[in-house]
Amino acid sequence: MKLILIIVIGIMFISASLAEVNKPEVIYKYKKYEKFDFEDMVVEGETGSPGDLSVSSRFQRKFSNKLPYRKNFHAEIKKAVERIR
């Protein structure tokens, strides 16, 4: 059973490698520069705006800050500087 499996895998590998050898090499070439002339283009249509614009107000919830308020962090900054030295 293992021998058959090895033979099948070998045949698949050989056929895949032969298929890659026969592939033609494709080279893509893109334009290096293209100029668009928008002056000759004409756009026809109508511009319009909605007659009635309505905006409904929504309730905005205010959340409280769960972190305590501190005026300064001088003690922590001094400790950090001392650790660097």
Protein backbone atom coordinates (compact mmCIF):
# COMPACT_ATOMS: atom_id res chain seq x y z
CA MET A 1 0.00 0.00 0.00
CA LYS A 2 2.79 2.42 0.90
CA LEU A 3 4.62 1.55 -2.31
CA ILE A 4 1.59 2.42 -4.43
CA LEU A 5 1.19 5.71 -2.59
CA ILE A 6 4.85 6.60 -3.16
CA ILE A 7 4.56 5.76 -6.87
CA VAL A 8 1.41 7.88 -7.27
CA ILE A 9 3.03 10.85 -5.51
CA GLY A 10 6.14 10.47 -7.68
CA ILE A 11 4.07 10.44 -10.89
CA MET A 12 2.18 13.54 -9.75
CA PHE A 13 5.45 15.34 -8.97
CA ILE A 14 6.98 14.45 -12.35
CA SER A 15 3.87 15.50 -14.29
CA ALA A 16 3.72 18.81 -12.41
CA SER A 17 7.37 19.55 -13.16
CA LEU A 18 6.90 18.71 -16.86
CA ALA A 19 3.87 21.00 -17.06
CA GLU A 20 5.94 23.90 -15.72
CA VAL A 21 8.69 23.27 -18.29
CA ASN A 22 6.25 23.52 -21.22
CA LYS A 23 4.66 26.79 -20.01
CA PRO A 24 5.45 29.81 -22.17
CA GLU A 25 6.98 32.71 -20.30
CA VAL A 26 4.59 35.65 -20.11
CA ILE A 27 6.02 39.16 -19.82
CA TYR A 28 3.70 42.02 -18.91
CA LYS A 29 4.57 45.51 -20.08
CA TYR A 30 2.76 48.52 -18.70
CA LYS A 31 2.65 52.07 -19.97
CA LYS A 32 5.25 54.26 -18.34
CA TYR A 33 3.30 57.47 -18.94
CA GLU A 34 -0.24 58.29 -19.92
CA LYS A 35 -1.71 61.75 -20.39
CA PHE A 36 -5.38 62.52 -19.80
CA ASP A 37 -6.97 65.56 -21.43
CA PHE A 38 -9.95 66.55 -19.30
CA GLU A 39 -10.61 69.76 -21.24
CA ASP A 40 -12.20 67.88 -24.14
CA MET A 41 -14.52 65.90 -21.87
CA VAL A 42 -18.06 67.23 -21.61
CA VAL A 43 -20.30 66.20 -18.75
CA GLU A 44 -23.97 66.91 -19.19
CA GLY A 45 -26.47 66.86 -16.39
CA GLU A 46 -28.28 68.86 -13.81
CA THR A 47 -27.16 69.82 -10.38
CA GLY A 48 -29.77 69.92 -7.71
CA SER A 49 -30.11 70.02 -4.00
CA PRO A 50 -32.83 68.60 -1.81
CA GLY A 51 -35.57 71.07 -1.01
CA ASP A 52 -36.03 70.02 2.60
CA LEU A 53 -33.19 68.98 4.82
CA SER A 54 -34.12 67.75 8.26
CA VAL A 55 -31.81 66.66 11.03
CA SER A 56 -33.11 65.15 14.22
CA SER A 57 -31.22 65.63 17.44
CA ARG A 58 -30.18 62.60 19.40
CA PHE A 59 -29.49 62.05 23.05
CA GLN A 60 -25.78 62.03 23.87
CA ARG A 61 -24.88 60.17 27.00
CA LYS A 62 -22.11 61.51 29.20
CA PHE A 63 -19.85 58.90 30.70
CA SER A 64 -17.95 59.36 33.90
CA ASN A 65 -14.21 58.79 34.00
CA LYS A 66 -13.42 55.70 36.06
CA LEU A 67 -9.83 56.77 36.57
CA PRO A 68 -9.14 59.19 39.41
CA TYR A 69 -8.32 62.75 38.38
CA ARG A 70 -4.74 63.87 39.06
CA LYS A 71 -3.34 67.34 38.60
CA ASN A 72 0.23 66.18 38.04
CA PHE A 73 2.44 63.13 37.90
CA HIS A 74 5.64 64.69 39.23
CA ALA A 75 6.39 61.88 41.69
CA GLU A 76 6.12 59.19 38.99
CA ILE A 77 8.23 61.22 36.58
CA LYS A 78 10.97 61.67 39.20
CA LYS A 79 11.01 57.91 39.91
CA ALA A 80 11.25 57.15 36.20
CA VAL A 81 14.20 59.53 35.79
CA GLU A 82 15.98 58.03 38.81
CA ARG A 83 15.60 54.53 37.34
CA ILE A 84 17.28 55.62 34.10
CA ARG A 85 20.40 56.85 35.93
